C-alpha atoms as a PDB file:
ATOM      1  CA  UNK A   1      30.303  27.714  12.079  1.00  0.00           C
ATOM      2  CA  UNK A   2      30.479  28.980   8.510  1.00  0.00           C
ATOM      3  CA  UNK A   3      31.300  26.448   5.812  1.00  0.00           C
ATOM      4  CA  UNK A   4      34.506  27.055   3.926  1.00  0.00           C
ATOM      5  CA  UNK A   5      34.817  26.671   0.171  1.00  0.00           C
ATOM      6  CA  UNK A   6      38.369  25.727  -0.841  1.00  0.00           C
ATOM      7  CA  UNK A   7      39.331  26.231  -4.454  1.00  0.00           C
ATOM      8  CA  UNK A   8      40.411  22.591  -4.608  1.00  0.00           C
ATOM      9  CA  UNK A   9      40.411  19.784  -2.093  1.00  0.00           C
ATOM     10  CA  UNK A  10      41.331  16.910  -4.363  1.00  0.00           C
ATOM     11  CA  UNK A  11      43.910  14.631  -2.786  1.00  0.00           C
ATOM     12  CA  UNK A  12      47.275  14.526  -4.522  1.00  0.00           C
ATOM     13  CA  UNK A  13      47.404  10.753  -4.057  1.00  0.00           C
ATOM     14  CA  UNK A  14      43.980   9.095  -3.763  1.00  0.00           C
ATOM     15  CA  UNK A  15      43.720   5.849  -1.825  1.00  0.00           C
ATOM     16  CA  UNK A  16      43.796   2.616  -3.787  1.00  0.00           C
ATOM     17  CA  UNK A  17      40.550   0.637  -3.922  1.00  0.00           C
ATOM     18  CA  UNK A  18      41.485  -2.028  -1.321  1.00  0.00           C
ATOM     19  CA  UNK A  19      42.522   0.670   1.161  1.00  0.00           C
ATOM     20  CA  UNK A  20      39.319   2.644   0.557  1.00  0.00           C
ATOM     21  CA  UNK A  21      37.244  -0.488   1.144  1.00  0.00           C
ATOM     22  CA  UNK A  22      39.144  -1.380   4.319  1.00  0.00           C
ATOM     23  CA  UNK A  23      38.897   2.035   5.989  1.00  0.00           C
ATOM     24  CA  UNK A  24      35.389   3.122   4.922  1.00  0.00           C
ATOM     25  CA  UNK A  25      32.953   3.649   7.792  1.00  0.00           C
ATOM     26  CA  UNK A  26      29.422   5.017   7.990  1.00  0.00           C
ATOM     27  CA  UNK A  27      29.980   8.484   9.432  1.00  0.00           C
ATOM     28  CA  UNK A  28      27.183  10.069  11.454  1.00  0.00           C
ATOM     29  CA  UNK A  29      28.800  13.449  12.196  1.00  0.00           C
ATOM     30  CA  UNK A  30      30.221  15.788   9.540  1.00  0.00           C
ATOM     31  CA  UNK A  31      32.195  19.031   9.496  1.00  0.00           C
ATOM     32  CA  UNK A  32      30.501  21.991   7.757  1.00  0.00           C
ATOM     33  CA  UNK A  33      33.321  22.335   5.207  1.00  0.00           C
ATOM     34  CA  UNK A  34      32.098  22.563   1.628  1.00  0.00           C
ATOM     35  CA  UNK A  35      33.206  20.184  -1.088  1.00  0.00           C
ATOM     36  CA  UNK A  36      35.040  22.048  -3.842  1.00  0.00           C
ATOM     37  CA  UNK A  37      33.294  21.998  -7.242  1.00  0.00           C
ATOM     38  CA  UNK A  38      36.111  20.094  -8.959  1.00  0.00           C
ATOM     39  CA  UNK A  39      36.027  17.374  -6.306  1.00  0.00           C
ATOM     40  CA  UNK A  40      32.245  17.121  -6.456  1.00  0.00           C
ATOM     41  CA  UNK A  41      32.401  16.779 -10.237  1.00  0.00           C
ATOM     42  CA  UNK A  42      35.008  14.034  -9.902  1.00  0.00           C
ATOM     43  CA  UNK A  43      32.770  12.171  -7.459  1.00  0.00           C
ATOM     44  CA  UNK A  44      29.891  12.354  -9.914  1.00  0.00           C
ATOM     45  CA  UNK A  45      32.090  11.119 -12.767  1.00  0.00           C
ATOM     46  CA  UNK A  46      33.197   8.108 -10.728  1.00  0.00           C
ATOM     47  CA  UNK A  47      29.662   7.434  -9.526  1.00  0.00           C
ATOM     48  CA  UNK A  48      28.101   7.312 -12.995  1.00  0.00           C
ATOM     49  CA  UNK A  49      30.966   5.094 -14.189  1.00  0.00           C
ATOM     50  CA  UNK A  50      29.066   2.277 -12.452  1.00  0.00           C
ATOM     51  CA  UNK A  51      27.715  -0.593 -14.548  1.00  0.00           C
ATOM     52  CA  UNK A  52      23.995  -1.056 -15.132  1.00  0.00           C
ATOM     53  CA  UNK A  53      21.789  -3.637 -16.779  1.00  0.00           C
ATOM     54  CA  UNK A  54      21.900  -3.154 -20.574  1.00  0.00           C
ATOM     55  CA  UNK A  55      23.816   0.072 -19.837  1.00  0.00           C
ATOM     56  CA  UNK A  56      20.437   1.663 -19.114  1.00  0.00           C
ATOM     57  CA  UNK A  57      21.999   4.023 -16.556  1.00  0.00           C
ATOM     58  CA  UNK A  58      18.559   4.041 -14.972  1.00  0.00           C
ATOM     59  CA  UNK A  59      19.643   5.796 -11.792  1.00  0.00           C
ATOM     60  CA  UNK A  60      18.525   9.353 -11.102  1.00  0.00           C
ATOM     61  CA  UNK A  61      20.909  11.151  -8.738  1.00  0.00           C
ATOM     62  CA  UNK A  62      19.771  14.298  -6.955  1.00  0.00           C
ATOM     63  CA  UNK A  63      22.373  16.377  -5.099  1.00  0.00           C
ATOM     64  CA  UNK A  64      20.701  18.019  -2.120  1.00  0.00           C
ATOM     65  CA  UNK A  65      22.833  21.021  -1.048  1.00  0.00           C
ATOM     66  CA  UNK A  66      20.517  23.928  -0.224  1.00  0.00           C
ATOM     67  CA  UNK A  67      20.137  24.345   3.540  1.00  0.00           C
ATOM     68  CA  UNK A  68      16.338  24.356   3.471  1.00  0.00           C
ATOM     69  CA  UNK A  69      16.308  21.326   1.184  1.00  0.00           C
ATOM     70  CA  UNK A  70      18.688  19.509   3.515  1.00  0.00           C
ATOM     71  CA  UNK A  71      16.449  20.323   6.478  1.00  0.00           C
ATOM     72  CA  UNK A  72      13.413  18.962   4.656  1.00  0.00           C
ATOM     73  CA  UNK A  73      15.294  15.841   3.603  1.00  0.00           C
ATOM     74  CA  UNK A  74      16.500  15.289   7.161  1.00  0.00           C
ATOM     75  CA  UNK A  75      12.907  15.528   8.356  1.00  0.00           C
ATOM     76  CA  UNK A  76      11.942  12.881   5.773  1.00  0.00           C
ATOM     77  CA  UNK A  77      14.646  10.695   7.325  1.00  0.00           C
ATOM     78  CA  UNK A  78      13.368  10.997  10.896  1.00  0.00           C
ATOM     79  CA  UNK A  79      15.611  14.021  11.605  1.00  0.00           C
ATOM     80  CA  UNK A  80      18.900  12.198  11.291  1.00  0.00           C
ATOM     81  CA  UNK A  81      21.447  14.978  11.662  1.00  0.00           C
ATOM     82  CA  UNK A  82      24.050  13.759   9.197  1.00  0.00           C
ATOM     83  CA  UNK A  83      21.917  15.047   6.329  1.00  0.00           C
ATOM     84  CA  UNK A  84      21.803  18.552   7.774  1.00  0.00           C
ATOM     85  CA  UNK A  85      25.502  18.508   8.659  1.00  0.00           C
ATOM     86  CA  UNK A  86      26.998  17.138   5.447  1.00  0.00           C
ATOM     87  CA  UNK A  87      27.514  19.687   2.639  1.00  0.00           C
ATOM     88  CA  UNK A  88      25.710  17.444   0.156  1.00  0.00           C
ATOM     89  CA  UNK A  89      23.501  14.378   0.241  1.00  0.00           C
ATOM     90  CA  UNK A  90      23.232  12.203  -2.839  1.00  0.00           C
ATOM     91  CA  UNK A  91      19.698  10.895  -3.267  1.00  0.00           C
ATOM     92  CA  UNK A  92      19.810   7.779  -5.422  1.00  0.00           C
ATOM     93  CA  UNK A  93      16.537   7.185  -7.198  1.00  0.00           C
ATOM     94  CA  UNK A  94      15.724   4.560  -9.815  1.00  0.00           C
ATOM     95  CA  UNK A  95      13.652   5.047 -12.961  1.00  0.00           C
ATOM     96  CA  UNK A  96      11.766   1.827 -13.693  1.00  0.00           C
ATOM     97  CA  UNK A  97      10.801   3.143 -17.148  1.00  0.00           C
ATOM     98  CA  UNK A  98      14.264   4.226 -18.316  1.00  0.00           C
ATOM     99  CA  UNK A  99      14.282   1.436 -20.897  1.00  0.00           C
ATOM    100  CA  UNK A 100      11.211   2.961 -22.597  1.00  0.00           C
ATOM    101  CA  UNK A 101      12.885   6.314 -23.192  1.00  0.00           C
ATOM    102  CA  UNK A 102      15.046   7.519 -26.070  1.00  0.00           C
ATOM    103  CA  UNK A 103      18.384   5.710 -25.799  1.00  0.00           C
ATOM    104  CA  UNK A 104      19.937   7.321 -28.867  1.00  0.00           C
ATOM    105  CA  UNK A 105      22.631   9.159 -26.834  1.00  0.00           C
ATOM    106  CA  UNK A 106      23.713   5.851 -25.256  1.00  0.00           C
ATOM    107  CA  UNK A 107      23.925   4.130 -28.637  1.00  0.00           C
ATOM    108  CA  UNK A 108      25.779   7.014 -30.255  1.00  0.00           C
ATOM    109  CA  UNK A 109      28.352   7.210 -27.483  1.00  0.00           C
ATOM    110  CA  UNK A 110      28.952   3.452 -27.514  1.00  0.00           C
ATOM    111  CA  UNK A 111      29.468   3.531 -31.275  1.00  0.00           C
ATOM    112  CA  UNK A 112      31.789   6.531 -31.037  1.00  0.00           C
ATOM    113  CA  UNK A 113      33.874   4.768 -28.368  1.00  0.00           C
ATOM    114  CA  UNK A 114      33.896   1.599 -30.489  1.00  0.00           C
ATOM    115  CA  UNK A 115      32.489  -0.275 -27.510  1.00  0.00           C
ATOM    116  CA  UNK A 116      29.529  -1.552 -29.528  1.00  0.00           C
ATOM    117  CA  UNK A 117      29.187  -2.403 -33.176  1.00  0.00           C
ATOM    118  CA  UNK A 118      26.186  -1.324 -35.245  1.00  0.00           C
ATOM    119  CA  UNK A 119      25.026  -4.933 -35.005  1.00  0.00           C
ATOM    120  CA  UNK A 120      25.234  -4.753 -31.193  1.00  0.00           C
ATOM    121  CA  UNK A 121      23.133  -1.597 -31.192  1.00  0.00           C
ATOM    122  CA  UNK A 122      20.455  -3.264 -33.281  1.00  0.00           C
ATOM    123  CA  UNK A 123      20.515  -6.250 -30.949  1.00  0.00           C
ATOM    124  CA  UNK A 124      20.014  -4.022 -27.913  1.00  0.00           C
ATOM    125  CA  UNK A 125      17.217  -2.139 -29.635  1.00  0.00           C
ATOM    126  CA  UNK A 126      15.276  -5.363 -30.119  1.00  0.00           C
ATOM    127  CA  UNK A 127      16.231  -7.277 -26.989  1.00  0.00           C
ATOM    128  CA  UNK A 128      15.965  -4.618 -24.281  1.00  0.00           C
ATOM    129  CA  UNK A 129      12.206  -4.044 -24.765  1.00  0.00           C
ATOM    130  CA  UNK A 130      11.587  -7.793 -24.795  1.00  0.00           C
ATOM    131  CA  UNK A 131      13.625  -8.411 -21.656  1.00  0.00           C
ATOM    132  CA  UNK A 132      12.250  -5.464 -19.692  1.00  0.00           C
ATOM    133  CA  UNK A 133       8.664  -6.206 -20.704  1.00  0.00           C
ATOM    134  CA  UNK A 134       9.093  -9.762 -19.472  1.00  0.00           C
ATOM    135  CA  UNK A 135      10.329  -8.423 -16.119  1.00  0.00           C
ATOM    136  CA  UNK A 136       6.958  -6.835 -15.434  1.00  0.00           C
ATOM    137  CA  UNK A 137       6.799  -5.600 -11.840  1.00  0.00           C
ATOM    138  CA  UNK A 138      10.476  -6.455 -11.353  1.00  0.00           C
ATOM    139  CA  UNK A 139      11.509  -3.438 -13.448  1.00  0.00           C
ATOM    140  CA  UNK A 140      11.495  -1.410 -10.236  1.00  0.00           C
ATOM    141  CA  UNK A 141      13.688  -3.936  -8.448  1.00  0.00           C
ATOM    142  CA  UNK A 142      16.209  -4.084 -11.290  1.00  0.00           C
ATOM    143  CA  UNK A 143      16.459  -0.295 -11.479  1.00  0.00           C
ATOM    144  CA  UNK A 144      17.026  -0.071  -7.721  1.00  0.00           C
ATOM    145  CA  UNK A 145      19.832  -2.633  -8.004  1.00  0.00           C
ATOM    146  CA  UNK A 146      21.547  -0.448 -10.606  1.00  0.00           C
ATOM    147  CA  UNK A 147      21.166   2.625  -8.379  1.00  0.00           C
ATOM    148  CA  UNK A 148      22.658   0.752  -5.431  1.00  0.00           C
ATOM    149  CA  UNK A 149      25.692  -0.239  -7.491  1.00  0.00           C
ATOM    150  CA  UNK A 150      26.182   3.433  -8.402  1.00  0.00           C
ATOM    151  CA  UNK A 151      25.852   4.390  -4.724  1.00  0.00           C
ATOM    152  CA  UNK A 152      28.587   1.913  -3.840  1.00  0.00           C
ATOM    153  CA  UNK A 153      30.825   3.532  -6.445  1.00  0.00           C
ATOM    154  CA  UNK A 154      30.177   6.892  -4.781  1.00  0.00           C
ATOM    155  CA  UNK A 155      31.053   5.643  -1.309  1.00  0.00           C
ATOM    156  CA  UNK A 156      34.349   4.088  -2.355  1.00  0.00           C
ATOM    157  CA  UNK A 157      35.275   7.023  -4.591  1.00  0.00           C
ATOM    158  CA  UNK A 158      34.551   9.455  -1.761  1.00  0.00           C
ATOM    159  CA  UNK A 159      36.650   7.449   0.679  1.00  0.00           C
ATOM    160  CA  UNK A 160      39.550   7.291  -1.761  1.00  0.00           C
ATOM    161  CA  UNK A 161      39.450  11.079  -2.187  1.00  0.00           C
ATOM    162  CA  UNK A 162      39.478  11.956   1.511  1.00  0.00           C
ATOM    163  CA  UNK A 163      35.724  12.258   2.067  1.00  0.00           C
ATOM    164  CA  UNK A 164      33.331  10.224   4.172  1.00  0.00           C
ATOM    165  CA  UNK A 165      29.825   8.930   3.583  1.00  0.00           C
ATOM    166  CA  UNK A 166      26.841   7.495   5.404  1.00  0.00           C
ATOM    167  CA  UNK A 167      24.591   5.136   3.432  1.00  0.00           C
ATOM    168  CA  UNK A 168      21.072   5.596   4.782  1.00  0.00           C
ATOM    169  CA  UNK A 169      18.107   3.270   4.480  1.00  0.00           C
ATOM    170  CA  UNK A 170      15.966   5.019   7.111  1.00  0.00           C
ATOM    171  CA  UNK A 171      13.546   7.419   5.432  1.00  0.00           C
ATOM    172  CA  UNK A 172       9.991   7.739   4.144  1.00  0.00           C
ATOM    173  CA  UNK A 173       9.902   7.365   0.358  1.00  0.00           C
ATOM    174  CA  UNK A 174       6.873   9.605  -0.185  1.00  0.00           C
ATOM    175  CA  UNK A 175       8.476  12.370   1.882  1.00  0.00           C
ATOM    176  CA  UNK A 176      11.821  12.070   0.091  1.00  0.00           C
ATOM    177  CA  UNK A 177      10.064  12.222  -3.290  1.00  0.00           C
ATOM    178  CA  UNK A 178       8.247  15.340  -2.122  1.00  0.00           C
ATOM    179  CA  UNK A 179      11.549  17.007  -1.236  1.00  0.00           C
ATOM    180  CA  UNK A 180      13.118  16.254  -4.626  1.00  0.00           C
ATOM    181  CA  UNK A 181       9.983  17.215  -6.572  1.00  0.00           C
ATOM    182  CA  UNK A 182       9.051  13.732  -7.771  1.00  0.00           C
ATOM    183  CA  UNK A 183       5.659  13.155  -6.169  1.00  0.00           C
ATOM    184  CA  UNK A 184       3.968  12.904  -9.560  1.00  0.00           C
ATOM    185  CA  UNK A 185       6.257  10.144 -10.854  1.00  0.00           C
ATOM    186  CA  UNK A 186       5.036   6.720  -9.681  1.00  0.00           C
ATOM    187  CA  UNK A 187       7.823   5.001 -11.646  1.00  0.00           C
ATOM    188  CA  UNK A 188      10.605   6.687  -9.672  1.00  0.00           C
ATOM    189  CA  UNK A 189      11.752   4.706  -6.631  1.00  0.00           C
ATOM    190  CA  UNK A 190      14.094   5.928  -3.909  1.00  0.00           C
ATOM    191  CA  UNK A 191      17.026   3.536  -3.469  1.00  0.00           C
ATOM    192  CA  UNK A 192      19.408   5.169  -0.985  1.00  0.00           C
ATOM    193  CA  UNK A 193      20.423   8.440   0.662  1.00  0.00           C
ATOM    194  CA  UNK A 194      24.156   9.110   1.026  1.00  0.00           C
ATOM    195  CA  UNK A 195      25.409  12.209   2.871  1.00  0.00           C
ATOM    196  CA  UNK A 196      28.958  13.109   1.774  1.00  0.00           C
ATOM    197  CA  UNK A 197      31.474  15.364   3.479  1.00  0.00           C
ATOM    198  CA  UNK A 198      34.410  15.585   5.858  1.00  0.00           C
ATOM    199  CA  UNK A 199      34.167  13.397   8.953  1.00  0.00           C
ATOM    200  CA  UNK A 200      33.835  15.093  12.347  1.00  0.00           C
ATOM    201  CA  UNK A 201      34.364  11.769  14.086  1.00  0.00           C
ATOM    202  CA  UNK A 202      36.467   8.632  13.875  1.00  0.00           C
ATOM    203  CA  UNK A 203      34.603   5.349  13.937  1.00  0.00           C
ATOM    204  CA  UNK A 204      36.461   2.065  14.583  1.00  0.00           C
ATOM    205  CA  UNK A 205      35.786  -1.070  12.586  1.00  0.00           C
ATOM    206  CA  UNK A 206      32.985  -3.013  14.332  1.00  0.00           C
ATOM    207  CA  UNK A 207      34.261  -6.219  12.724  1.00  0.00           C
ATOM    208  CA  UNK A 208      32.753  -8.850  10.470  1.00  0.00           C
ATOM    209  CA  UNK A 209      31.599 -12.391  11.145  1.00  0.00           C
ATOM    210  CA  UNK A 210      33.917 -15.286  10.283  1.00  0.00           C
ATOM    211  CA  UNK A 211      33.412 -16.457   6.705  1.00  0.00           C
ATOM    212  CA  UNK A 212      31.643 -19.676   7.657  1.00  0.00           C
ATOM    213  CA  UNK A 213      28.672 -17.689   8.998  1.00  0.00           C
ATOM    214  CA  UNK A 214      27.572 -16.247   5.657  1.00  0.00           C
ATOM    215  CA  UNK A 215      29.934 -17.307   2.833  1.00  0.00           C
ATOM    216  CA  UNK A 216      29.405 -20.670   1.138  1.00  0.00           C
ATOM    217  CA  UNK A 217      30.744 -22.780  -1.704  1.00  0.00           C
ATOM    218  CA  UNK A 218      28.276 -24.114  -4.283  1.00  0.00           C
ATOM    219  CA  UNK A 219      25.515 -24.696  -1.696  1.00  0.00           C
ATOM    220  CA  UNK A 220      24.420 -22.933   1.484  1.00  0.00           C
ATOM    221  CA  UNK A 221      25.145 -26.117   3.395  1.00  0.00           C
ATOM    222  CA  UNK A 222      28.857 -25.890   2.561  1.00  0.00           C
ATOM    223  CA  UNK A 223      30.513 -22.992   4.471  1.00  0.00           C
ATOM    224  CA  UNK A 224      33.597 -21.320   3.059  1.00  0.00           C
ATOM    225  CA  UNK A 225      36.412 -21.469   5.581  1.00  0.00           C
ATOM    226  CA  UNK A 226      39.194 -19.641   3.731  1.00  0.00           C
END
């Protein structure tokens, strides 16, 4: 079947956040329909609106859309078909050295938006290197956390706009990095793969455990009962 490319497939009335959370499911089978450029751009805007430590924005998001690239990425994920079927897969990577790079654009934008004062900028300039240096090997972990938060934004934004997603944690990092051209960057970690598209299937809610199994108050010995 040939993928179609509508001029616009933005919903007139997107779902509210609670509804998007309640109906989201991990979809394993996608239609071949393309995502219109304006909708894809909106998804990216909502994804990068995610918070990050020190506003480092240390995620690196690669949109895999080319058919041969999708095939290679699927192979790196043990041939899971949702990558080949979905029109685009978001690869969320994390740059553990983002804090060492030029952050002038971040500072300038924050000042322009009056979100930070000049004093705040100077504080960040001095404190970020100290904090990140003290993290040591945990820089990778912190960057992955930021990327995962951004991935969650994507999944809920997609659901609200009539699309479906499948968060994937089954893949070989070295192979994924090879596909996206990052084999020479030891500081780039793969956080998550998220195929995005129009669902070919309907998946019911498998349910969640009662709160007292895994939600607690103050201490893990005190279950939350609602």
